Amino acid sequence: LIKDAKKLKIDIKDVWLFAFVGIFSSLAMSTFYFMSMELTSVAVSDVLMYTSPVWVMIFSAVFLKEHITLKKAVCVVIAFAGCISVCGLSEQGGDTFRPLGVFFGICSGIAYSLYSVVGKVILKKYDEVTLMAYNFVFAALGALFIADIPKTAGIMAGNAHSLKNIFFMTVIGTVLPFMLYTAGLKNTAASKAAVLCCIEPVTAAFVSVVILKESISLIQIFGIGLIVSAIILLRKQN
């Protein structure tokens, strides 16, 4: 607010773009993701959210005129297969595939992809700080209409431990990732950025092993190899 205050100035005709990203991408992605998780499982909802590179590739071709090359298409398929393996989807029981949960999961992937596509349009005119600030402002305003504010405030007031969790989820799990992704999106094709973001399940797998002392299966190691291979292939010029 002090150093970059001038970057908060936007044209009134562009307000709808920032509102769209905040409400129909960031807020919608989180909402659909957790709704999917409640009806399926963490692994299933994670994989469905990571259909986003597919949607980004399609939307980028239609709206941003990015070319769908054979290499991009192959990388998307390899990265998605890797996400399925890392999340252990092949080990999930049939009861995790509830149609409504799957639908919400796909919706979260589409909402996730919209940040890349619409964000790319905004970044042609505005700084990433501007996009970040208004993204969260409009997401917060939208959340006021779907969240039970009194109940949430009561839980927070009665549980000091929840405040610590909220702080880490907000700063480390939301603001920092969005800031880094937005900065990367400014100088990278939206479809490439979406594939690069598939490194997240790989990071989650390593963190779960190192910090949570969870075991890792051969199929998950294979999935990590697929994702890393897709990223290396995507960055190679020839």
Protein backbone atom coordinates (compact mmCIF):
# COMPACT_ATOMS: atom_id res chain seq x y z
CA LEU A 1 0.00 0.00 0.00
CA ILE A 2 2.94 2.35 0.65
CA LYS A 3 5.46 1.33 -1.97
CA ASP A 4 3.14 0.25 -4.78
CA ALA A 5 0.05 2.37 -4.14
CA LYS A 6 0.04 3.70 -7.72
CA LYS A 7 -0.24 0.13 -8.99
CA LEU A 8 -3.69 -0.16 -7.40
CA LYS A 9 -5.12 2.30 -9.91
CA ILE A 10 -7.15 0.55 -12.61
CA ASP A 11 -9.52 1.63 -15.39
CA ILE A 12 -13.16 1.33 -14.42
CA LYS A 13 -13.85 -0.66 -17.62
CA ASP A 14 -11.41 -3.34 -16.44
CA VAL A 15 -13.02 -3.90 -13.03
CA TRP A 16 -15.07 -6.81 -14.38
CA LEU A 17 -11.88 -8.68 -15.36
CA PHE A 18 -10.50 -8.48 -11.82
CA ALA A 19 -13.92 -9.40 -10.38
CA PHE A 20 -14.14 -12.37 -12.75
CA VAL A 21 -10.70 -13.69 -11.70
CA GLY A 22 -11.37 -13.19 -7.99
CA ILE A 23 -14.86 -14.71 -7.88
CA PHE A 24 -15.08 -17.21 -10.75
CA SER A 25 -11.47 -18.42 -10.53
CA SER A 26 -9.86 -18.12 -7.09
CA LEU A 27 -13.01 -18.36 -4.95
CA ALA A 28 -14.75 -20.87 -7.22
CA MET A 29 -11.64 -23.06 -7.41
CA SER A 30 -11.30 -23.31 -3.63
CA THR A 31 -15.04 -23.82 -3.09
CA PHE A 32 -15.45 -26.55 -5.70
CA TYR A 33 -12.21 -28.22 -4.60
CA PHE A 34 -13.33 -28.59 -0.97
CA MET A 35 -16.85 -29.61 -2.03
CA SER A 36 -15.29 -32.34 -4.20
CA MET A 37 -13.05 -33.42 -1.32
CA GLU A 38 -16.06 -33.83 0.97
CA LEU A 39 -17.77 -36.14 -1.54
CA THR A 40 -14.76 -38.09 -2.83
CA SER A 41 -11.23 -38.05 -1.39
CA VAL A 42 -8.17 -35.80 -1.30
CA ALA A 43 -6.50 -37.83 -4.07
CA VAL A 44 -9.52 -37.78 -6.38
CA SER A 45 -10.24 -34.08 -5.88
CA ASP A 46 -6.54 -33.27 -6.37
CA VAL A 47 -6.35 -35.10 -9.69
CA LEU A 48 -9.60 -33.58 -10.94
CA MET A 49 -8.33 -30.08 -10.09
CA TYR A 50 -5.19 -30.88 -12.09
CA THR A 51 -7.23 -31.32 -15.25
CA SER A 52 -6.54 -27.55 -15.40
CA PRO A 53 -3.65 -27.84 -17.94
CA VAL A 54 -6.10 -29.43 -20.38
CA TRP A 55 -8.58 -26.57 -19.99
CA VAL A 56 -5.80 -23.96 -20.09
CA MET A 57 -4.51 -25.39 -23.37
CA ILE A 58 -8.02 -25.32 -24.89
CA PHE A 59 -8.97 -21.86 -23.58
CA SER A 60 -5.56 -20.40 -24.49
CA ALA A 61 -5.95 -21.60 -28.06
CA VAL A 62 -9.44 -20.09 -28.32
CA PHE A 63 -8.99 -16.80 -26.45
CA LEU A 64 -5.23 -16.09 -26.41
CA LYS A 65 -4.48 -17.58 -29.83
CA GLU A 66 -1.73 -19.80 -28.40
CA HIS A 67 -0.89 -22.71 -30.68
CA ILE A 68 -1.65 -26.25 -29.50
CA THR A 69 1.58 -27.95 -30.53
CA LEU A 70 2.16 -31.69 -30.41
CA LYS A 71 4.77 -31.17 -27.67
CA LYS A 72 2.34 -29.21 -25.47
CA ALA A 73 -0.37 -31.84 -25.91
CA VAL A 74 2.03 -34.68 -25.06
CA CYS A 75 3.33 -32.80 -22.00
CA VAL A 76 -0.21 -32.23 -20.74
CA VAL A 77 -1.04 -35.96 -21.09
CA ILE A 78 2.22 -37.04 -19.39
CA ALA A 79 1.85 -34.53 -16.54
CA PHE A 80 -1.79 -35.52 -15.92
CA ALA A 81 -0.87 -39.21 -15.89
CA GLY A 82 1.84 -38.34 -13.38
CA CYS A 83 -0.67 -36.51 -11.17
CA ILE A 84 -2.93 -39.58 -11.20
CA SER A 85 0.00 -41.78 -10.12
CA VAL A 86 1.35 -39.41 -7.45
CA CYS A 87 -2.07 -38.96 -5.88
CA GLY A 88 -2.55 -42.72 -5.76
CA LEU A 89 -5.76 -42.58 -7.74
CA SER A 90 -5.24 -46.12 -9.00
CA GLU A 91 -5.39 -47.34 -5.39
CA GLN A 92 -8.70 -45.61 -4.61
CA GLY A 93 -11.82 -47.64 -4.07
CA GLY A 94 -14.90 -47.34 -6.26
CA ASP A 95 -16.82 -45.50 -3.53
CA THR A 96 -14.65 -42.42 -4.06
CA PHE A 97 -16.09 -41.85 -7.54
CA ARG A 98 -19.36 -40.17 -6.59
CA PRO A 99 -20.68 -38.36 -9.69
CA LEU A 100 -21.42 -35.05 -7.94
CA GLY A 101 -17.98 -35.05 -6.32
CA VAL A 102 -16.36 -35.71 -9.69
CA PHE A 103 -18.40 -32.89 -11.22
CA PHE A 104 -17.27 -30.45 -8.51
CA GLY A 105 -13.67 -31.58 -9.01
CA ILE A 106 -13.79 -30.89 -12.74
CA CYS A 107 -15.36 -27.49 -11.99
CA SER A 108 -12.42 -26.70 -9.71
CA GLY A 109 -10.04 -27.56 -12.56
CA ILE A 110 -11.90 -25.27 -14.97
CA ALA A 111 -11.93 -22.45 -12.39
CA TYR A 112 -8.19 -22.98 -11.80
CA SER A 113 -7.53 -22.70 -15.54
CA LEU A 114 -9.42 -19.41 -15.79
CA TYR A 115 -6.82 -17.72 -13.56
CA SER A 116 -4.14 -18.51 -16.11
CA VAL A 117 -6.17 -17.43 -19.13
CA VAL A 118 -7.87 -14.27 -17.80
CA GLY A 119 -4.81 -13.43 -15.67
CA LYS A 120 -2.67 -13.48 -18.83
CA VAL A 121 -5.02 -10.92 -20.40
CA ILE A 122 -4.83 -8.67 -17.32
CA LEU A 123 -1.02 -8.91 -17.14
CA LYS A 124 -0.72 -7.48 -20.64
CA LYS A 125 -1.86 -4.15 -19.19
CA TYR A 126 -1.27 -4.31 -15.43
CA ASP A 127 1.47 -5.31 -12.99
CA GLU A 128 1.30 -8.64 -11.16
CA VAL A 129 0.88 -6.71 -7.87
CA THR A 130 -2.32 -5.18 -9.26
CA LEU A 131 -3.69 -8.58 -10.29
CA MET A 132 -2.79 -10.13 -6.94
CA ALA A 133 -4.38 -7.35 -4.88
CA TYR A 134 -7.71 -7.20 -6.69
CA ASN A 135 -7.88 -10.96 -7.09
CA PHE A 136 -8.00 -11.39 -3.32
CA VAL A 137 -10.24 -8.34 -2.77
CA PHE A 138 -12.96 -9.67 -5.06
CA ALA A 139 -12.51 -13.25 -3.82
CA ALA A 140 -13.06 -11.97 -0.26
CA LEU A 141 -16.13 -9.97 -1.27
CA GLY A 142 -17.58 -13.01 -3.01
CA ALA A 143 -16.88 -15.19 0.03
CA LEU A 144 -19.05 -12.91 2.18
CA PHE A 145 -22.09 -14.22 0.31
CA ILE A 146 -21.35 -17.93 0.77
CA ALA A 147 -19.61 -18.10 4.17
CA ASP A 148 -21.29 -18.25 7.58
CA ILE A 149 -19.42 -15.26 9.03
CA PRO A 150 -20.81 -15.35 12.61
CA LYS A 151 -20.16 -19.09 12.96
CA THR A 152 -16.65 -18.78 11.49
CA ALA A 153 -15.80 -15.84 13.77
CA GLY A 154 -17.08 -17.80 16.78
CA ILE A 155 -14.88 -20.80 15.96
CA MET A 156 -11.84 -18.57 15.50
CA ALA A 157 -12.48 -16.67 18.73
CA GLY A 158 -12.84 -19.88 20.74
CA ASN A 159 -9.81 -21.65 19.30
CA ALA A 160 -6.48 -19.81 19.28
CA HIS A 161 -4.85 -22.77 17.50
CA SER A 162 -7.09 -22.23 14.48
CA LEU A 163 -5.67 -18.71 14.05
CA LYS A 164 -2.19 -20.16 13.55
CA ASN A 165 -3.50 -22.61 10.96
CA ILE A 166 -5.40 -19.84 9.18
CA PHE A 167 -2.29 -17.65 9.11
CA PHE A 168 -0.16 -20.37 7.53
CA MET A 169 -2.89 -21.35 5.07
CA THR A 170 -3.34 -17.70 4.10
CA VAL A 171 0.29 -16.57 3.80
CA ILE A 172 2.22 -19.77 2.96
CA GLY A 173 -0.56 -21.72 1.25
CA THR A 174 -2.37 -18.97 -0.67
CA VAL A 175 -0.71 -15.56 -1.03
CA LEU A 176 2.84 -16.80 -1.68
CA PRO A 177 1.87 -19.46 -4.27
CA PHE A 178 -0.44 -17.06 -6.12
CA MET A 179 2.25 -14.36 -6.06
CA LEU A 180 4.89 -16.69 -7.51
CA TYR A 181 2.50 -18.18 -10.08
CA THR A 182 1.33 -14.72 -11.19
CA ALA A 183 4.93 -13.52 -11.54
CA GLY A 184 5.76 -16.60 -13.64
CA LEU A 185 2.60 -16.23 -15.73
CA LYS A 186 3.65 -12.74 -16.86
CA ASN A 187 6.55 -14.06 -18.95
CA THR A 188 5.34 -17.58 -19.71
CA ALA A 189 2.64 -18.97 -21.98
CA ALA A 190 -0.46 -19.84 -19.96
CA SER A 191 -0.43 -23.47 -21.15
CA LYS A 192 3.24 -23.89 -20.13
CA ALA A 193 2.64 -22.31 -16.71
CA ALA A 194 -0.24 -24.73 -16.07
CA VAL A 195 1.96 -27.77 -16.79
CA LEU A 196 4.81 -26.40 -14.65
CA CYS A 197 2.33 -26.05 -11.79
CA CYS A 198 1.88 -29.84 -11.84
CA ILE A 199 5.06 -29.98 -9.75
CA GLU A 200 2.75 -29.34 -6.76
CA PRO A 201 1.73 -33.00 -6.24
CA VAL A 202 5.44 -33.93 -6.44
CA THR A 203 6.27 -31.40 -3.72
CA ALA A 204 3.35 -32.64 -1.61
CA ALA A 205 4.61 -36.23 -1.92
CA PHE A 206 8.13 -35.30 -0.76
CA VAL A 207 6.81 -33.17 2.11
CA SER A 208 4.56 -36.00 3.28
CA VAL A 209 7.55 -38.37 3.33
CA VAL A 210 10.06 -36.01 4.96
CA ILE A 211 7.84 -34.16 7.45
CA LEU A 212 4.82 -36.41 7.99
CA LYS A 213 6.86 -39.65 7.76
CA GLU A 214 4.40 -41.17 5.31
CA SER A 215 5.48 -43.96 2.99
CA ILE A 216 5.76 -43.54 -0.77
CA SER A 217 4.85 -46.28 -3.25
CA LEU A 218 6.52 -47.27 -6.50
CA ILE A 219 3.54 -45.98 -8.50
CA GLN A 220 3.96 -42.56 -6.83
CA ILE A 221 7.68 -42.52 -7.65
CA PHE A 222 6.75 -43.41 -11.23
CA GLY A 223 4.25 -40.51 -11.26
CA ILE A 224 6.92 -38.10 -10.00
CA GLY A 225 9.15 -39.24 -12.85
CA LEU A 226 6.36 -38.58 -15.38
CA ILE A 227 5.73 -35.04 -14.12
CA VAL A 228 9.43 -34.14 -14.04
CA SER A 229 9.81 -35.62 -17.54
CA ALA A 230 6.90 -33.52 -18.83
CA ILE A 231 8.45 -30.35 -17.41
CA ILE A 232 11.90 -31.13 -18.89
CA LEU A 233 10.30 -31.92 -22.26
CA LEU A 234 8.27 -28.70 -22.13
CA ARG A 235 11.38 -26.57 -21.53
CA LYS A 236 13.46 -28.17 -24.32
CA GLN A 237 13.57 -26.08 -27.48
CA ASN A 238 13.79 -29.03 -29.89
